[in-house]
Amino acid sequence: MLIGKRIADAGYKLFSGSMMLLTVYGGYLCVLRAQRYMQKQKQLKLAEQSESTAPETIKD
């Protein structure tokens, strides 16, 4: 019975460890996506400002 308990404990530790890694990886991906979103918004704002301050040109 002792061997079964050890196997169960090892399985639990393995499972919890993999869940922790998945949680950390998910957080990392979330941060990357948020960072990309903020960078894109900043670029769009800068492009809008430069477009509004640029002299009018004739567009065909």
N, C-alpha and C. Protein backbone atom coordinates (compact mmCIF):
# COMPACT_ATOMS: atom_id res chain seq x y z
N MET A 1 0.82 -1.20 0.00
CA MET A 1 0.00 0.00 0.00
C MET A 1 0.87 1.27 0.00
N LEU A 2 2.04 1.17 0.58
CA LEU A 2 2.96 2.30 0.65
C LEU A 2 3.41 2.72 -0.76
N ILE A 3 3.62 1.74 -1.63
CA ILE A 3 4.04 2.05 -3.00
C ILE A 3 2.94 2.80 -3.74
N GLY A 4 1.69 2.38 -3.54
CA GLY A 4 0.57 3.07 -4.18
C GLY A 4 0.45 4.51 -3.73
N LYS A 5 0.70 4.76 -2.46
CA LYS A 5 0.64 6.13 -1.93
C LYS A 5 1.75 6.97 -2.54
N ARG A 6 2.93 6.41 -2.68
CA ARG A 6 4.05 7.15 -3.26
C ARG A 6 3.78 7.48 -4.72
N ILE A 7 3.21 6.53 -5.43
CA ILE A 7 2.88 6.77 -6.85
C ILE A 7 1.82 7.87 -6.95
N ALA A 8 0.82 7.81 -6.07
CA ALA A 8 -0.22 8.83 -6.08
C ALA A 8 0.35 10.20 -5.73
N ASP A 9 1.26 10.26 -4.75
CA ASP A 9 1.89 11.53 -4.38
C ASP A 9 2.72 12.09 -5.53
N ALA A 10 3.47 11.20 -6.20
CA ALA A 10 4.29 11.63 -7.33
C ALA A 10 3.40 12.13 -8.47
N GLY A 11 2.31 11.43 -8.72
CA GLY A 11 1.38 11.87 -9.76
C GLY A 11 0.76 13.22 -9.44
N TYR A 12 0.41 13.43 -8.18
CA TYR A 12 -0.16 14.71 -7.77
C TYR A 12 0.84 15.83 -7.93
N LYS A 13 2.08 15.58 -7.51
CA LYS A 13 3.13 16.61 -7.64
C LYS A 13 3.40 16.92 -9.11
N LEU A 14 3.43 15.90 -9.94
CA LEU A 14 3.65 16.10 -11.37
C LEU A 14 2.52 16.91 -11.99
N PHE A 15 1.30 16.55 -11.63
CA PHE A 15 0.13 17.26 -12.16
C PHE A 15 0.12 18.72 -11.71
N SER A 16 0.35 18.95 -10.38
CA SER A 16 0.33 20.33 -9.90
C SER A 16 1.47 21.14 -10.50
N GLY A 17 2.61 20.52 -10.67
CA GLY A 17 3.73 21.23 -11.29
C GLY A 17 3.42 21.63 -12.72
N SER A 18 2.79 20.73 -13.46
CA SER A 18 2.47 21.06 -14.85
C SER A 18 1.40 22.15 -14.92
N MET A 19 0.46 22.14 -13.97
CA MET A 19 -0.55 23.19 -13.93
C MET A 19 0.07 24.55 -13.60
N MET A 20 1.07 24.55 -12.71
CA MET A 20 1.76 25.80 -12.38
C MET A 20 2.50 26.32 -13.60
N LEU A 21 3.17 25.42 -14.31
CA LEU A 21 3.89 25.86 -15.52
C LEU A 21 2.93 26.41 -16.57
N LEU A 22 1.79 25.75 -16.74
CA LEU A 22 0.81 26.24 -17.71
C LEU A 22 0.27 27.60 -17.30
N THR A 23 0.07 27.81 -16.02
CA THR A 23 -0.42 29.10 -15.53
C THR A 23 0.60 30.20 -15.79
N VAL A 24 1.86 29.91 -15.50
CA VAL A 24 2.92 30.90 -15.73
C VAL A 24 3.04 31.20 -17.22
N TYR A 25 2.99 30.17 -18.05
CA TYR A 25 3.10 30.36 -19.50
C TYR A 25 1.89 31.16 -20.02
N GLY A 26 0.71 30.87 -19.52
CA GLY A 26 -0.48 31.63 -19.92
C GLY A 26 -0.35 33.09 -19.53
N GLY A 27 0.17 33.36 -18.34
CA GLY A 27 0.39 34.75 -17.93
C GLY A 27 1.39 35.45 -18.82
N TYR A 28 2.44 34.73 -19.19
CA TYR A 28 3.45 35.28 -20.10
C TYR A 28 2.84 35.66 -21.44
N LEU A 29 2.03 34.75 -21.99
CA LEU A 29 1.38 35.03 -23.27
C LEU A 29 0.43 36.21 -23.18
N CYS A 30 -0.27 36.31 -22.06
CA CYS A 30 -1.20 37.41 -21.84
C CYS A 30 -0.45 38.75 -21.79
N VAL A 31 0.68 38.77 -21.09
CA VAL A 31 1.48 39.99 -21.00
C VAL A 31 2.02 40.38 -22.38
N LEU A 32 2.48 39.40 -23.14
CA LEU A 32 2.98 39.70 -24.48
C LEU A 32 1.88 40.30 -25.37
N ARG A 33 0.70 39.73 -25.28
CA ARG A 33 -0.40 40.22 -26.10
C ARG A 33 -0.80 41.63 -25.69
N ALA A 34 -0.84 41.89 -24.39
CA ALA A 34 -1.17 43.23 -23.90
C ALA A 34 -0.11 44.24 -24.33
N GLN A 35 1.14 43.82 -24.27
CA GLN A 35 2.24 44.71 -24.67
C GLN A 35 2.14 45.04 -26.16
N ARG A 36 1.85 44.03 -26.99
CA ARG A 36 1.70 44.26 -28.42
C ARG A 36 0.52 45.19 -28.71
N TYR A 37 -0.57 45.00 -27.96
CA TYR A 37 -1.76 45.85 -28.14
C TYR A 37 -1.43 47.30 -27.80
N MET A 38 -0.74 47.51 -26.67
CA MET A 38 -0.39 48.87 -26.26
C MET A 38 0.56 49.52 -27.28
N GLN A 39 1.50 48.74 -27.79
CA GLN A 39 2.44 49.27 -28.78
C GLN A 39 1.71 49.65 -30.06
N LYS A 40 0.76 48.82 -30.48
CA LYS A 40 -0.01 49.11 -31.70
C LYS A 40 -0.84 50.38 -31.52
N GLN A 41 -1.46 50.52 -30.34
CA GLN A 41 -2.25 51.72 -30.07
C GLN A 41 -1.37 52.97 -30.09
N LYS A 42 -0.18 52.85 -29.54
CA LYS A 42 0.75 53.98 -29.52
C LYS A 42 1.16 54.36 -30.95
N GLN A 43 1.43 53.34 -31.79
CA GLN A 43 1.80 53.61 -33.18
C GLN A 43 0.66 54.27 -33.93
N LEU A 44 -0.56 53.80 -33.70
CA LEU A 44 -1.72 54.39 -34.38
C LEU A 44 -1.92 55.84 -33.95
N LYS A 45 -1.72 56.11 -32.67
CA LYS A 45 -1.87 57.48 -32.16
C LYS A 45 -0.81 58.40 -32.76
N LEU A 46 0.43 57.90 -32.83
CA LEU A 46 1.51 58.70 -33.42
C LEU A 46 1.25 58.95 -34.91
N ALA A 47 0.76 57.93 -35.61
CA ALA A 47 0.46 58.09 -37.03
C ALA A 47 -0.67 59.09 -37.23
N GLU A 48 -1.65 59.05 -36.36
CA GLU A 48 -2.77 59.99 -36.45
C GLU A 48 -2.30 61.42 -36.20
N GLN A 49 -1.42 61.59 -35.22
CA GLN A 49 -0.91 62.93 -34.92
C GLN A 49 -0.04 63.45 -36.05
N SER A 50 0.81 62.60 -36.61
CA SER A 50 1.68 63.06 -37.68
C SER A 50 0.86 63.34 -38.95
N GLU A 51 -0.22 62.61 -39.13
CA GLU A 51 -1.08 62.85 -40.29
C GLU A 51 -1.82 64.17 -40.15
N SER A 52 -2.23 64.49 -38.93
CA SER A 52 -2.99 65.73 -38.73
C SER A 52 -2.07 66.95 -38.76
N THR A 53 -0.78 66.80 -38.45
CA THR A 53 0.14 67.94 -38.48
C THR A 53 0.85 68.07 -39.82
N ALA A 54 0.78 67.04 -40.66
CA ALA A 54 1.45 67.10 -41.97
C ALA A 54 0.68 68.05 -42.88
N PRO A 55 1.41 68.74 -43.76
CA PRO A 55 0.73 69.64 -44.69
C PRO A 55 -0.16 68.85 -45.66
N GLU A 56 -1.22 69.48 -46.08
CA GLU A 56 -2.15 68.84 -47.03
C GLU A 56 -1.45 68.56 -48.34
N THR A 57 -1.61 67.39 -48.85
CA THR A 57 -1.07 67.04 -50.17
C THR A 57 -2.22 66.55 -51.02
N ILE A 58 -2.06 66.68 -52.31
CA ILE A 58 -3.08 66.22 -53.23
C ILE A 58 -2.96 64.71 -53.38
N LYS A 59 -4.08 64.02 -53.15
CA LYS A 59 -4.06 62.58 -53.26
C LYS A 59 -4.89 62.17 -54.45
N ASP A 60 -4.34 61.29 -55.26
CA ASP A 60 -5.07 60.82 -56.44
C ASP A 60 -5.84 59.57 -56.12
